[in-house]
């Protein structure tokens, strides 16, 4: 069974850091594009990063570029999202998602066409 499970969310002060983890099971990490999305209260889900199949190229929107870093550990079947210099507007539920067609599908952000989703982990940035 193909599954993703997120962890690492929590409460952090503005300017702080968190590292989220996305553990994959039932498939080979390198065969998929893996992305992170977030959904703030009352807003649509948006993609915040993606790491491409087997080549480790990455994608970030301008809103997080320079602050967030996505990386993968194939041996642990886990993808990480390191988030630094967090802002209150980074608050939301963070989801990881995977698609065998790669980041061209994941980064497009249309959740109807993305093959695998995790359940999400809550990140709250507040003083």
C-alpha atoms as a PDB file:
ATOM      1  CA  UNK A   1       0.000   0.000   0.000  1.00  0.00           C
ATOM      2  CA  UNK A   2       1.388   3.378  -1.041  1.00  0.00           C
ATOM      3  CA  UNK A   3       1.454   5.787   1.891  1.00  0.00           C
ATOM      4  CA  UNK A   4       2.994   9.041   3.086  1.00  0.00           C
ATOM      5  CA  UNK A   5       3.178  10.104   6.715  1.00  0.00           C
ATOM      6  CA  UNK A   6       4.210  13.570   7.856  1.00  0.00           C
ATOM      7  CA  UNK A   7       5.705  14.515  11.205  1.00  0.00           C
ATOM      8  CA  UNK A   8       7.574  17.373  12.838  1.00  0.00           C
ATOM      9  CA  UNK A   9       4.942  20.068  13.024  1.00  0.00           C
ATOM     10  CA  UNK A  10       4.402  22.209  16.096  1.00  0.00           C
ATOM     11  CA  UNK A  11       4.417  25.688  17.550  1.00  0.00           C
ATOM     12  CA  UNK A  12       7.383  27.931  16.800  1.00  0.00           C
ATOM     13  CA  UNK A  13       8.087  31.621  17.308  1.00  0.00           C
ATOM     14  CA  UNK A  14       8.571  33.968  14.360  1.00  0.00           C
ATOM     15  CA  UNK A  15      12.137  33.721  13.112  1.00  0.00           C
ATOM     16  CA  UNK A  16      12.456  30.140  14.335  1.00  0.00           C
ATOM     17  CA  UNK A  17      12.991  26.874  12.475  1.00  0.00           C
ATOM     18  CA  UNK A  18      11.288  23.516  12.070  1.00  0.00           C
ATOM     19  CA  UNK A  19      12.090  20.394  10.095  1.00  0.00           C
ATOM     20  CA  UNK A  20       9.219  18.376   8.725  1.00  0.00           C
ATOM     21  CA  UNK A  21       9.576  14.739   7.712  1.00  0.00           C
ATOM     22  CA  UNK A  22       7.612  12.767   5.133  1.00  0.00           C
ATOM     23  CA  UNK A  23       8.045   9.007   5.440  1.00  0.00           C
ATOM     24  CA  UNK A  24       7.135   7.013   2.348  1.00  0.00           C
ATOM     25  CA  UNK A  25       6.091   3.368   2.256  1.00  0.00           C
ATOM     26  CA  UNK A  26       4.975   1.043  -0.494  1.00  0.00           C
ATOM     27  CA  UNK A  27       6.989   2.701  -3.248  1.00  0.00           C
ATOM     28  CA  UNK A  28      10.541   3.720  -4.162  1.00  0.00           C
ATOM     29  CA  UNK A  29      11.187   7.346  -3.289  1.00  0.00           C
ATOM     30  CA  UNK A  30      13.389   7.992  -6.305  1.00  0.00           C
ATOM     31  CA  UNK A  31      10.655   6.954  -8.721  1.00  0.00           C
ATOM     32  CA  UNK A  32       8.403   9.838  -7.677  1.00  0.00           C
ATOM     33  CA  UNK A  33       8.383  13.601  -7.524  1.00  0.00           C
ATOM     34  CA  UNK A  34       7.741  14.508  -3.882  1.00  0.00           C
ATOM     35  CA  UNK A  35       6.313  17.838  -2.853  1.00  0.00           C
ATOM     36  CA  UNK A  36       5.206  19.776   0.189  1.00  0.00           C
ATOM     37  CA  UNK A  37       1.989  21.784   0.291  1.00  0.00           C
ATOM     38  CA  UNK A  38       0.461  23.951   2.953  1.00  0.00           C
ATOM     39  CA  UNK A  39      -3.048  25.110   3.647  1.00  0.00           C
ATOM     40  CA  UNK A  40      -3.628  28.122   5.832  1.00  0.00           C
ATOM     41  CA  UNK A  41      -7.011  28.654   7.510  1.00  0.00           C
ATOM     42  CA  UNK A  42      -9.524  29.905   4.964  1.00  0.00           C
ATOM     43  CA  UNK A  43      -7.081  29.632   2.060  1.00  0.00           C
ATOM     44  CA  UNK A  44      -6.439  27.210  -0.762  1.00  0.00           C
ATOM     45  CA  UNK A  45      -3.735  24.593  -0.570  1.00  0.00           C
ATOM     46  CA  UNK A  46      -0.478  25.806  -2.154  1.00  0.00           C
ATOM     47  CA  UNK A  47       2.718  24.049  -3.131  1.00  0.00           C
ATOM     48  CA  UNK A  48       5.831  25.162  -1.234  1.00  0.00           C
ATOM     49  CA  UNK A  49       8.466  22.827  -2.663  1.00  0.00           C
ATOM     50  CA  UNK A  50       9.108  19.790  -4.809  1.00  0.00           C
ATOM     51  CA  UNK A  51      12.066  17.459  -5.340  1.00  0.00           C
ATOM     52  CA  UNK A  52      12.302  15.680  -8.664  1.00  0.00           C
ATOM     53  CA  UNK A  53      12.583  11.964  -9.307  1.00  0.00           C
ATOM     54  CA  UNK A  54      16.123  10.600  -9.181  1.00  0.00           C
ATOM     55  CA  UNK A  55      17.832  13.863 -10.096  1.00  0.00           C
ATOM     56  CA  UNK A  56      17.289  15.926  -6.963  1.00  0.00           C
ATOM     57  CA  UNK A  57      16.350  19.094  -8.786  1.00  0.00           C
ATOM     58  CA  UNK A  58      14.096  21.240  -6.632  1.00  0.00           C
ATOM     59  CA  UNK A  59      11.341  23.805  -6.953  1.00  0.00           C
ATOM     60  CA  UNK A  60      10.282  26.614  -4.612  1.00  0.00           C
ATOM     61  CA  UNK A  61       7.811  29.445  -5.066  1.00  0.00           C
ATOM     62  CA  UNK A  62       9.061  32.944  -4.320  1.00  0.00           C
ATOM     63  CA  UNK A  63       7.187  33.010  -0.995  1.00  0.00           C
ATOM     64  CA  UNK A  64       9.569  30.469   0.570  1.00  0.00           C
ATOM     65  CA  UNK A  65      12.671  30.621  -1.657  1.00  0.00           C
ATOM     66  CA  UNK A  66      15.803  31.080   0.447  1.00  0.00           C
ATOM     67  CA  UNK A  67      14.024  30.024   3.644  1.00  0.00           C
ATOM     68  CA  UNK A  68      12.814  26.476   2.927  1.00  0.00           C
ATOM     69  CA  UNK A  69      14.944  23.549   1.768  1.00  0.00           C
ATOM     70  CA  UNK A  70      13.650  20.190   0.581  1.00  0.00           C
ATOM     71  CA  UNK A  71      15.866  17.115   0.649  1.00  0.00           C
ATOM     72  CA  UNK A  72      15.538  13.364   0.383  1.00  0.00           C
ATOM     73  CA  UNK A  73      17.119  10.354   2.075  1.00  0.00           C
ATOM     74  CA  UNK A  74      16.475   7.299  -0.094  1.00  0.00           C
ATOM     75  CA  UNK A  75      17.887   4.912   2.505  1.00  0.00           C
ATOM     76  CA  UNK A  76      15.264   6.096   4.978  1.00  0.00           C
ATOM     77  CA  UNK A  77      12.552   6.614   2.339  1.00  0.00           C
ATOM     78  CA  UNK A  78      12.035  10.042   3.818  1.00  0.00           C
ATOM     79  CA  UNK A  79      11.811  13.549   2.427  1.00  0.00           C
ATOM     80  CA  UNK A  80      12.484  16.521   4.666  1.00  0.00           C
ATOM     81  CA  UNK A  81      11.434  20.146   4.608  1.00  0.00           C
ATOM     82  CA  UNK A  82      13.766  22.404   6.557  1.00  0.00           C
ATOM     83  CA  UNK A  83      11.992  25.678   7.299  1.00  0.00           C
ATOM     84  CA  UNK A  84      13.990  28.637   8.572  1.00  0.00           C
ATOM     85  CA  UNK A  85      13.136  32.269   9.327  1.00  0.00           C
ATOM     86  CA  UNK A  86       9.527  31.298   9.824  1.00  0.00           C
ATOM     87  CA  UNK A  87       6.825  33.932   9.600  1.00  0.00           C
ATOM     88  CA  UNK A  88       3.251  33.965  10.945  1.00  0.00           C
ATOM     89  CA  UNK A  89       2.011  33.633   7.357  1.00  0.00           C
ATOM     90  CA  UNK A  90       3.758  30.241   7.173  1.00  0.00           C
ATOM     91  CA  UNK A  91       1.142  28.898   9.580  1.00  0.00           C
ATOM     92  CA  UNK A  92      -0.951  26.065   8.211  1.00  0.00           C
ATOM     93  CA  UNK A  93      -1.335  22.346   7.773  1.00  0.00           C
ATOM     94  CA  UNK A  94       1.599  20.974   5.788  1.00  0.00           C
ATOM     95  CA  UNK A  95       1.062  17.987   3.521  1.00  0.00           C
ATOM     96  CA  UNK A  96       3.476  15.932   1.509  1.00  0.00           C
ATOM     97  CA  UNK A  97       2.412  14.523  -1.831  1.00  0.00           C
ATOM     98  CA  UNK A  98       3.917  12.240  -4.449  1.00  0.00           C
ATOM     99  CA  UNK A  99       3.391  11.527  -8.113  1.00  0.00           C
ATOM    100  CA  UNK A 100       5.147   9.068 -10.418  1.00  0.00           C
ATOM    101  CA  UNK A 101       5.058  11.687 -13.215  1.00  0.00           C
ATOM    102  CA  UNK A 102       7.267  13.974 -11.163  1.00  0.00           C
ATOM    103  CA  UNK A 103       7.310  17.608 -10.147  1.00  0.00           C
ATOM    104  CA  UNK A 104       5.656  18.797 -13.351  1.00  0.00           C
ATOM    105  CA  UNK A 105       2.452  17.333 -11.881  1.00  0.00           C
ATOM    106  CA  UNK A 106       3.124  18.011  -8.194  1.00  0.00           C
ATOM    107  CA  UNK A 107       4.263  21.611  -8.651  1.00  0.00           C
ATOM    108  CA  UNK A 108       1.235  22.335 -10.818  1.00  0.00           C
ATOM    109  CA  UNK A 109      -0.652  21.986  -7.559  1.00  0.00           C
ATOM    110  CA  UNK A 110      -3.885  20.436  -8.820  1.00  0.00           C
ATOM    111  CA  UNK A 111      -4.623  17.972  -6.089  1.00  0.00           C
ATOM    112  CA  UNK A 112      -7.143  16.111  -8.258  1.00  0.00           C
ATOM    113  CA  UNK A 113      -4.281  14.703 -10.321  1.00  0.00           C
ATOM    114  CA  UNK A 114      -1.672  13.961  -7.637  1.00  0.00           C
ATOM    115  CA  UNK A 115      -1.446  10.259  -6.868  1.00  0.00           C
ATOM    116  CA  UNK A 116      -0.520  10.089  -3.166  1.00  0.00           C
ATOM    117  CA  UNK A 117      -1.174  12.418  -0.205  1.00  0.00           C
ATOM    118  CA  UNK A 118      -0.262  12.345   3.438  1.00  0.00           C
ATOM    119  CA  UNK A 119      -2.599  13.338   6.264  1.00  0.00           C
ATOM    120  CA  UNK A 120      -0.819  16.566   7.164  1.00  0.00           C
ATOM    121  CA  UNK A 121       0.985  18.081  10.126  1.00  0.00           C
ATOM    122  CA  UNK A 122       0.120  21.420  11.717  1.00  0.00           C
ATOM    123  CA  UNK A 123       2.676  24.227  11.840  1.00  0.00           C
ATOM    124  CA  UNK A 124       1.861  27.298  13.915  1.00  0.00           C
ATOM    125  CA  UNK A 125       4.145  30.327  13.835  1.00  0.00           C
ATOM    126  CA  UNK A 126       3.205  32.650  16.648  1.00  0.00           C
ATOM    127  CA  UNK A 127       4.701  34.538  19.541  1.00  0.00           C
END
